[in-house]
Amino acid sequence: MSEIATSTLRQRRRSIDAHSPPWVTDCDPAYRLHRRHSFSSARFSRDSADLDRTMAITSDTDAYLAHANKPSASASSPSSSPDPLRPYLQNQPKSLSGIAIRSFYLGIALAASTTATFTLLLYASSPLWRVPFFIATLSLFHFLEFWTTAAYNTPAAEISSFLLTANWPAYAIAHGFATLECLLTNLIWPGSAWAPAVLRPVLIPAGLALVAVGQAVRSVAMIHAGRSFNHTVQYRRKSSHVLVTDGIYSVLRHPSYFGFFWWALGTQLVMGNVLSFMGYAGVLWKFFSTRIEHEEEYLVAFFGAEYVDYRARVGTKIPFVW
């Protein structure tokens, strides 16, 4: 019986070992526990490593998205200093493209009107030469306004220095009316004259002289004053402002106003405009007398007794503007 029992136990043990996992086949309980613990630890280590990699990827993704959604420094905060090129860009006060196109058109207008003036004078003997002459004087005047400013008061040079839209629309209406008056007068009543016969031969030369002198005086005044000249009344004294009393300013007070006043009246004498001559004289006298009075209040505040003495010595040479 003992041998049979022993044989039966051995067969049962072999059957258990054949159907059990590897770590159970070992008869040592401690070793079986060690193998089981080692396997569990390895599996836990692999799971932990996979979790760490997943967390690292997620962390990197979150960091990337946060960086992508974060507004840039240039967009979220204003620039520490303004762009120095901005004033010279299109649609800005000192736009280089705006200055170029105005100079281009003024040059074309000057060339075309000068050619038309001499063509009508030399080959057609038509009094209508006065119209292109007027356009030529206007084109030259506005170009020189900008050029003298750009050359001798560079920081103040901008599109408005052309004075093309100054006192708009009154300025345009006045020149448009003068042109229309000249056209209608010479087309409807050719050869008519409003001045006495004794004055007729000198009216056109006198008008041409006033145009030339007025333009020259105004341009020289702007050049001589340099950075102290400005197209608008200055309400605060700048470091560049000095009281200019020498040169042409020793002969004329406000020579730029003197120049424009007589230049404008000269154009109407040349054109033979009666209504426009009287209208120009009245409007310009009122404008300059009021402006000079207003401007000199600030000049006295800026320069005190020095300007008061200068005003007493030098006149404007504009009628009834002392």
Protein backbone atom coordinates (compact mmCIF):
# COMPACT_ATOMS: atom_id res chain seq x y z
CA MET A 1 0.00 0.00 0.00
CA SER A 2 2.83 2.38 0.80
CA GLU A 3 4.39 2.01 -2.61
CA ILE A 4 1.03 2.48 -4.31
CA ALA A 5 0.34 5.60 -2.24
CA THR A 6 3.73 7.01 -2.93
CA SER A 7 3.34 6.52 -6.68
CA THR A 8 -0.09 8.15 -6.64
CA LEU A 9 1.27 11.24 -4.81
CA ARG A 10 4.13 11.60 -7.34
CA GLN A 11 1.70 11.47 -10.30
CA ARG A 12 -0.56 14.07 -8.71
CA ARG A 13 2.39 16.41 -8.10
CA ARG A 14 3.59 16.08 -11.72
CA SER A 15 0.04 16.89 -12.92
CA ILE A 16 -0.09 20.02 -10.78
CA ASP A 17 3.35 21.15 -11.96
CA ALA A 18 2.41 20.63 -15.64
CA HIS A 19 -0.67 22.87 -15.39
CA SER A 20 0.70 25.58 -13.15
CA PRO A 21 2.53 28.86 -14.09
CA PRO A 22 6.30 28.78 -14.00
CA TRP A 23 6.68 30.36 -10.58
CA VAL A 24 4.40 27.63 -9.07
CA THR A 25 6.52 24.72 -10.36
CA ASP A 26 9.26 25.65 -7.95
CA CYS A 27 8.72 23.76 -4.74
CA ASP A 28 10.31 26.55 -2.57
CA PRO A 29 7.51 28.81 -1.25
CA ALA A 30 9.88 31.71 -0.62
CA TYR A 31 11.26 31.49 -4.11
CA ARG A 32 7.76 31.33 -5.57
CA LEU A 33 6.85 34.54 -3.66
CA HIS A 34 10.06 36.25 -4.84
CA ARG A 35 9.29 35.40 -8.48
CA ARG A 36 5.76 36.65 -8.09
CA HIS A 37 6.93 39.90 -6.46
CA SER A 38 9.56 40.42 -9.18
CA PHE A 39 7.01 40.02 -11.92
CA SER A 40 4.60 42.44 -10.26
CA SER A 41 7.38 44.99 -9.74
CA ALA A 42 8.44 44.79 -13.40
CA ARG A 43 4.89 45.25 -14.58
CA PHE A 44 4.43 48.19 -12.20
CA SER A 45 7.67 49.72 -13.44
CA ARG A 46 6.55 49.44 -17.05
CA ASP A 47 3.18 51.00 -16.20
CA SER A 48 4.88 53.83 -14.29
CA ALA A 49 7.24 54.52 -17.18
CA ASP A 50 4.30 54.64 -19.59
CA LEU A 51 2.47 57.02 -17.26
CA ASP A 52 5.54 59.27 -16.94
CA ARG A 53 5.91 59.46 -20.73
CA THR A 54 2.20 60.29 -21.11
CA MET A 55 2.44 63.02 -18.48
CA ALA A 56 5.56 64.44 -20.11
CA ILE A 57 3.88 64.60 -23.52
CA THR A 58 0.80 66.22 -22.00
CA SER A 59 2.95 68.75 -20.16
CA ASP A 60 4.84 69.63 -23.34
CA THR A 61 1.57 70.01 -25.26
CA ASP A 62 0.09 72.30 -22.60
CA ALA A 63 3.25 74.40 -22.59
CA TYR A 64 3.17 74.69 -26.40
CA LEU A 65 -0.50 75.70 -26.43
CA ALA A 66 0.06 78.23 -23.68
CA HIS A 67 2.96 79.74 -25.62
CA ALA A 68 0.95 79.82 -28.85
CA ASN A 69 -2.04 81.53 -27.19
CA LYS A 70 0.07 84.05 -25.29
CA PRO A 71 -0.05 87.49 -27.03
CA SER A 72 3.26 88.73 -28.30
CA ALA A 73 5.04 91.56 -26.56
CA SER A 74 4.64 93.87 -29.53
CA ALA A 75 0.89 93.27 -29.67
CA SER A 76 0.11 93.30 -25.94
CA SER A 77 2.10 96.37 -24.95
CA PRO A 78 2.62 99.66 -26.76
CA SER A 79 5.99 100.32 -28.32
CA SER A 80 8.43 102.07 -26.08
CA SER A 81 9.22 104.60 -28.83
CA PRO A 82 7.20 105.79 -31.86
CA ASP A 83 8.12 104.66 -35.34
CA PRO A 84 10.32 107.43 -36.80
CA LEU A 85 9.14 106.58 -40.33
CA ARG A 86 5.43 106.90 -39.61
CA PRO A 87 5.07 110.65 -40.48
CA TYR A 88 6.53 109.95 -43.93
CA LEU A 89 4.17 107.11 -44.83
CA GLN A 90 1.14 107.45 -47.07
CA ASN A 91 -1.75 109.58 -45.74
CA GLN A 92 0.49 111.12 -43.07
CA PRO A 93 1.34 114.87 -42.72
CA LYS A 94 4.85 114.44 -44.16
CA SER A 95 3.96 111.67 -46.62
CA LEU A 96 6.73 111.44 -49.21
CA SER A 97 4.33 110.02 -51.78
CA GLY A 98 1.93 112.91 -51.15
CA ILE A 99 4.70 115.47 -51.57
CA ALA A 100 5.95 113.77 -54.75
CA ILE A 101 2.55 113.67 -56.45
CA ARG A 102 1.79 117.32 -55.66
CA SER A 103 5.18 118.44 -56.93
CA PHE A 104 4.66 116.35 -60.07
CA TYR A 105 1.28 117.90 -60.88
CA LEU A 106 2.44 121.43 -60.07
CA GLY A 107 5.39 120.93 -62.43
CA ILE A 108 3.09 119.73 -65.22
CA ALA A 109 0.70 122.63 -64.64
CA LEU A 110 3.56 125.15 -64.69
CA ALA A 111 5.08 123.74 -67.89
CA ALA A 112 1.77 123.42 -69.74
CA SER A 113 0.45 126.84 -68.73
CA THR A 114 3.74 128.61 -69.53
CA THR A 115 3.78 126.97 -72.98
CA ALA A 116 0.15 127.97 -73.57
CA THR A 117 0.83 131.56 -72.48
CA PHE A 118 3.66 132.12 -74.94
CA THR A 119 1.85 130.22 -77.72
CA LEU A 120 -1.23 132.47 -77.43
CA LEU A 121 0.91 135.60 -77.16
CA LEU A 122 3.20 134.88 -80.10
CA TYR A 123 1.00 133.00 -82.55
CA ALA A 124 -2.63 133.85 -81.78
CA SER A 125 -2.49 137.40 -80.43
CA SER A 126 -5.36 136.43 -78.14
CA PRO A 127 -6.08 138.16 -74.83
CA LEU A 128 -6.86 134.72 -73.40
CA TRP A 129 -3.13 134.25 -72.67
CA ARG A 130 -3.97 135.82 -69.31
CA VAL A 131 -5.71 132.64 -68.10
CA PRO A 132 -2.75 130.24 -68.52
CA PHE A 133 -0.50 133.02 -67.16
CA PHE A 134 -2.58 133.05 -63.98
CA ILE A 135 -2.34 129.26 -63.70
CA ALA A 136 1.43 129.45 -64.18
CA THR A 137 1.85 132.04 -61.40
CA LEU A 138 -0.29 129.94 -59.04
CA SER A 139 1.68 126.77 -59.80
CA LEU A 140 5.01 128.50 -59.19
CA PHE A 141 3.77 130.16 -56.02
CA HIS A 142 2.59 126.91 -54.41
CA PHE A 143 5.70 125.01 -55.41
CA LEU A 144 7.97 127.71 -53.93
CA GLU A 145 5.96 127.71 -50.71
CA PHE A 146 6.91 124.10 -50.11
CA TRP A 147 10.43 124.31 -51.53
CA THR A 148 11.54 127.24 -49.37
CA THR A 149 10.07 125.58 -46.29
CA ALA A 150 11.74 122.25 -47.05
CA ALA A 151 15.09 123.88 -47.78
CA TYR A 152 15.29 126.43 -44.93
CA ASN A 153 12.86 125.20 -42.28
CA THR A 154 13.10 121.47 -42.86
CA PRO A 155 11.42 120.24 -39.62
CA ALA A 156 8.24 122.18 -40.52
CA ALA A 157 8.01 120.90 -44.11
CA GLU A 158 4.91 118.82 -44.74
CA ILE A 159 2.10 118.47 -47.27
CA SER A 160 0.26 121.50 -45.89
CA SER A 161 3.32 123.64 -46.69
CA PHE A 162 2.14 123.74 -50.32
CA LEU A 163 -0.81 125.87 -49.09
CA LEU A 164 -3.00 124.23 -51.74
CA THR A 165 -5.93 123.90 -49.35
CA ALA A 166 -5.22 126.88 -47.10
CA ASN A 167 -8.37 128.83 -46.17
CA TRP A 168 -10.41 126.29 -48.11
CA PRO A 169 -12.84 126.76 -49.85
CA ALA A 170 -12.67 130.58 -49.92
CA TYR A 171 -9.22 130.49 -51.53
CA ALA A 172 -10.38 128.20 -54.36
CA ILE A 173 -13.57 130.21 -54.89
CA ALA A 174 -11.60 133.45 -55.25
CA HIS A 175 -9.23 132.02 -57.87
CA GLY A 176 -12.07 130.27 -59.68
CA PHE A 177 -14.05 133.51 -59.88
CA ALA A 178 -11.00 135.42 -61.18
CA THR A 179 -10.45 132.85 -63.92
CA LEU A 180 -14.11 132.89 -64.92
CA GLU A 181 -14.21 136.70 -65.00
CA CYS A 182 -11.19 136.85 -67.29
CA LEU A 183 -12.62 134.21 -69.65
CA LEU A 184 -16.08 135.76 -69.93
CA THR A 185 -14.79 139.32 -70.28
CA ASN A 186 -12.47 138.45 -73.15
CA LEU A 187 -14.95 136.12 -74.89
CA ILE A 188 -18.06 138.32 -74.62
CA TRP A 189 -16.45 141.78 -74.77
CA PRO A 190 -13.14 141.31 -76.56
CA GLY A 191 -11.02 144.46 -76.74
CA SER A 192 -12.97 146.21 -73.99
CA ALA A 193 -11.02 148.25 -71.42
CA TRP A 194 -12.07 149.51 -68.03
CA ALA A 195 -9.07 151.74 -67.31
CA PRO A 196 -8.48 155.24 -68.69
CA ALA A 197 -6.61 155.29 -71.99
CA VAL A 198 -3.57 156.93 -70.41
CA LEU A 199 -3.14 154.05 -67.95
CA ARG A 200 -3.80 151.14 -70.28
CA PRO A 201 -0.24 150.79 -71.61
CA VAL A 202 1.21 150.50 -68.08
CA LEU A 203 -1.34 148.22 -66.42
CA ILE A 204 0.07 144.95 -67.68
CA PRO A 205 3.73 145.90 -67.05
CA ALA A 206 2.77 147.17 -63.59
CA GLY A 207 0.93 143.93 -62.88
CA LEU A 208 3.86 141.81 -64.06
CA ALA A 209 6.22 143.85 -61.87
CA LEU A 210 3.99 143.38 -58.81
CA VAL A 211 3.80 139.63 -59.43
CA ALA A 212 7.58 139.32 -59.75
CA VAL A 213 8.41 141.59 -56.79
CA GLY A 214 5.74 140.08 -54.56
CA GLN A 215 6.89 136.52 -55.23
CA ALA A 216 10.55 137.42 -54.75
CA VAL A 217 9.95 139.31 -51.49
CA ARG A 218 7.88 136.48 -50.00
CA SER A 219 10.39 133.78 -50.92
CA VAL A 220 13.37 135.84 -49.68
CA ALA A 221 11.54 136.53 -46.40
CA MET A 222 10.93 132.82 -45.84
CA ILE A 223 14.53 131.99 -46.65
CA HIS A 224 15.96 134.72 -44.42
CA ALA A 225 13.75 133.87 -41.42
CA GLY A 226 14.60 130.17 -41.69
CA ARG A 227 13.23 128.20 -38.75
CA SER A 228 11.59 131.30 -37.28
CA PHE A 229 9.10 131.33 -40.17
CA ASN A 230 5.90 129.32 -40.03
CA HIS A 231 2.71 129.24 -42.07
CA THR A 232 0.56 129.23 -38.93
CA VAL A 233 0.51 131.61 -35.98
CA GLN A 234 2.68 130.26 -33.16
CA TYR A 235 1.16 130.46 -29.69
CA ARG A 236 4.25 129.26 -27.84
CA ARG A 237 7.81 130.37 -28.24
CA LYS A 238 10.19 127.62 -29.30
CA SER A 239 13.93 127.48 -28.76
CA SER A 240 14.42 127.97 -32.52
CA HIS A 241 12.44 131.23 -32.56
CA VAL A 242 14.50 134.41 -32.75
CA LEU A 243 13.42 137.94 -33.61
CA VAL A 244 14.71 138.60 -37.12
CA THR A 245 15.21 142.33 -37.74
CA ASP A 246 17.99 142.41 -40.32
CA GLY A 247 18.04 141.88 -44.08
CA ILE A 248 14.66 142.28 -45.72
CA TYR A 249 13.07 142.46 -42.25
CA SER A 250 14.89 145.75 -41.66
CA VAL A 251 12.87 147.28 -44.52
CA LEU A 252 9.55 145.46 -44.20
CA ARG A 253 7.67 144.20 -41.17
CA HIS A 254 5.91 140.97 -42.17
CA PRO A 255 7.51 140.89 -45.64
CA SER A 256 5.85 137.57 -46.50
CA TYR A 257 2.43 139.21 -46.08
CA PHE A 258 3.58 142.20 -48.08
CA GLY A 259 4.72 139.87 -50.86
CA PHE A 260 1.49 137.90 -51.06
CA PHE A 261 -0.72 141.02 -50.91
CA TRP A 262 0.95 142.75 -53.86
CA TRP A 263 1.51 139.48 -55.77
CA ALA A 264 -2.22 138.75 -55.72
CA LEU A 265 -3.19 142.26 -56.83
CA GLY A 266 -0.59 142.08 -59.61
CA THR A 267 -2.19 138.93 -61.03
CA GLN A 268 -5.55 140.69 -61.31
CA LEU A 269 -4.00 143.71 -63.02
CA VAL A 270 -2.47 141.42 -65.64
CA MET A 271 -5.77 139.60 -66.13
CA GLY A 272 -7.70 142.85 -66.49
CA ASN A 273 -10.23 141.82 -63.83
CA VAL A 274 -12.14 144.74 -62.32
CA LEU A 275 -14.35 142.84 -59.88
CA SER A 276 -11.65 140.42 -58.78
CA PHE A 277 -9.11 143.22 -58.28
CA MET A 278 -11.44 145.03 -55.88
CA GLY A 279 -12.47 141.79 -54.22
CA TYR A 280 -8.87 140.66 -53.72
CA ALA A 281 -7.85 144.05 -52.34
CA GLY A 282 -10.70 144.16 -49.80
CA VAL A 283 -10.49 140.54 -48.64
CA LEU A 284 -6.69 140.45 -48.40
CA TRP A 285 -6.51 143.77 -46.55
CA LYS A 286 -9.03 142.55 -44.00
CA PHE A 287 -7.29 139.19 -43.65
CA PHE A 288 -3.77 140.57 -43.16
CA SER A 289 -4.74 143.49 -40.94
CA THR A 290 -6.57 141.10 -38.58
CA ARG A 291 -3.84 138.46 -38.71
CA ILE A 292 -1.01 140.93 -38.11
CA GLU A 293 -2.82 142.42 -35.11
CA HIS A 294 -3.42 138.96 -33.67
CA GLU A 295 0.08 137.68 -34.40
CA GLU A 296 1.82 140.71 -32.94
CA GLU A 297 0.13 140.14 -29.59
CA TYR A 298 2.17 136.94 -29.31
CA LEU A 299 5.32 138.51 -30.72
CA VAL A 300 5.18 141.17 -28.01
CA ALA A 301 4.66 138.41 -25.42
CA PHE A 302 7.62 136.47 -26.85
CA PHE A 303 10.12 139.31 -27.30
CA GLY A 304 8.76 142.16 -25.16
CA ALA A 305 10.19 145.66 -25.62
CA GLU A 306 12.52 144.43 -28.36
CA TYR A 307 9.57 143.78 -30.67
CA VAL A 308 7.74 146.96 -29.60
CA ASP A 309 10.78 149.02 -30.67
CA TYR A 310 11.06 147.08 -33.94
CA ARG A 311 7.35 147.62 -34.73
CA ALA A 312 7.72 151.35 -34.15
CA ARG A 313 10.68 151.59 -36.58
CA VAL A 314 9.58 149.36 -39.47
CA GLY A 315 6.27 149.43 -41.34
CA THR A 316 4.40 146.74 -43.28
CA LYS A 317 3.99 148.75 -46.53
CA ILE A 318 0.47 147.34 -46.77
CA PRO A 319 -2.01 150.25 -47.04
CA PHE A 320 -3.48 151.26 -43.70
CA VAL A 321 -1.82 148.43 -41.80
CA TRP A 322 0.55 150.15 -39.40
